[in-house]
Amino acid sequence: MDVDHALKARISVREFQGRSIGPDIIRALLDVARYSPSGGNLQPWQVIAVAGDERQAVTDLALKTLTDNPAGESDEAPIYPSKLWEPYRTRRYKLGEDMYALLNISRKDKHKRFQRFTDNYRFFGAPVGVFFIIDRGMGRGQWAHLGMFMQSLALAATARGLATCFQESWAMVRKTLHRHFELGDDSLVYCGMALGYADPDAAVNRLRSDRAPVEEFATLRGFDE
C-alpha cells in the first residue's frame, strides 16, 4: 500500500473485531513509527500499549472515574477551546450528527449518547490501547512532532490491514491514568488510540468525515499556471 492510499484509507474506526494482536506486531509498528520527523532529533514521545488485563484495568478505572464525575477531571490541556468558532464548530457538530445517525441514536436520547460515549473507554472493542505521553516542558514544536509520530503509527497500522481510532477523550481521565501508570510529575498523557481489526459489518465504520477542498485552506503564490 502506498502512502497516498494509506492516507485516504485511514479513518477513525469505532467498532472492532475481538481478534487479538500479539506484541510482535506492536513492536513492528513502533519500529517504523520511530522514524517520524523530529526537530533536533528530540523524539519527544513515550508510548504505553495495553492489552489483556491491563487494558481492562484502565477501562475500569476510566468508567469508575466518569461515573463519579461525568464531567471528567479538570486539566490544563483541554481537548477543544472552550468556545469553538467557525468553521470549526460546524465541522465538529456535523461529524457528531453523522456518527449518531449511523448509530441510529437520536439527538434527544441523552442516555444512549452517553452510553455510546463511554465506549471510547472500552476502546470500541479493540484488543489494544495505545497511550501517547509527552514531557510537560515541551513546546508547541514538540507537540507537533508527537502528532507526526502518532500519524506514522496509524499509517503503518493501516498498511498492515489494521485499524485505529485516536481518542482524545482519554484526556477526561488524564489524572487517573497518570496515577495508574505511575508517571513522573513531568509526564503528561496526551491521548489514547484504539488498535485492532475493524468490524466490516458495523454501520458506524461507514462514517467518512468531510474534508475541506484544497482551495479552502491553501494559498499558492509565485507559481506559473
Foldseek 3Di string as FASTA:
>chain_A
DDPVVLVQPADAFQAFDLDDDDPVVVVVLLVQLQPFDDVVSPSFKDKDKDFDPRLVVQLVLVVVQCVVPVVFDDDPDDPDPPDDDPPVVVLVVVLVVVLVVLVVHDPPCVVVVVVSVSVVSVLNNFRMKMWMKGFQPDDPRRVVRSVRSVVSSQSSLVVVQKHKHKAQVCVRHFVVVCVVVVDDPRMGTRTMMGIGHHDPPRSSRVDDRDDDDCVVPDDDPDDDD
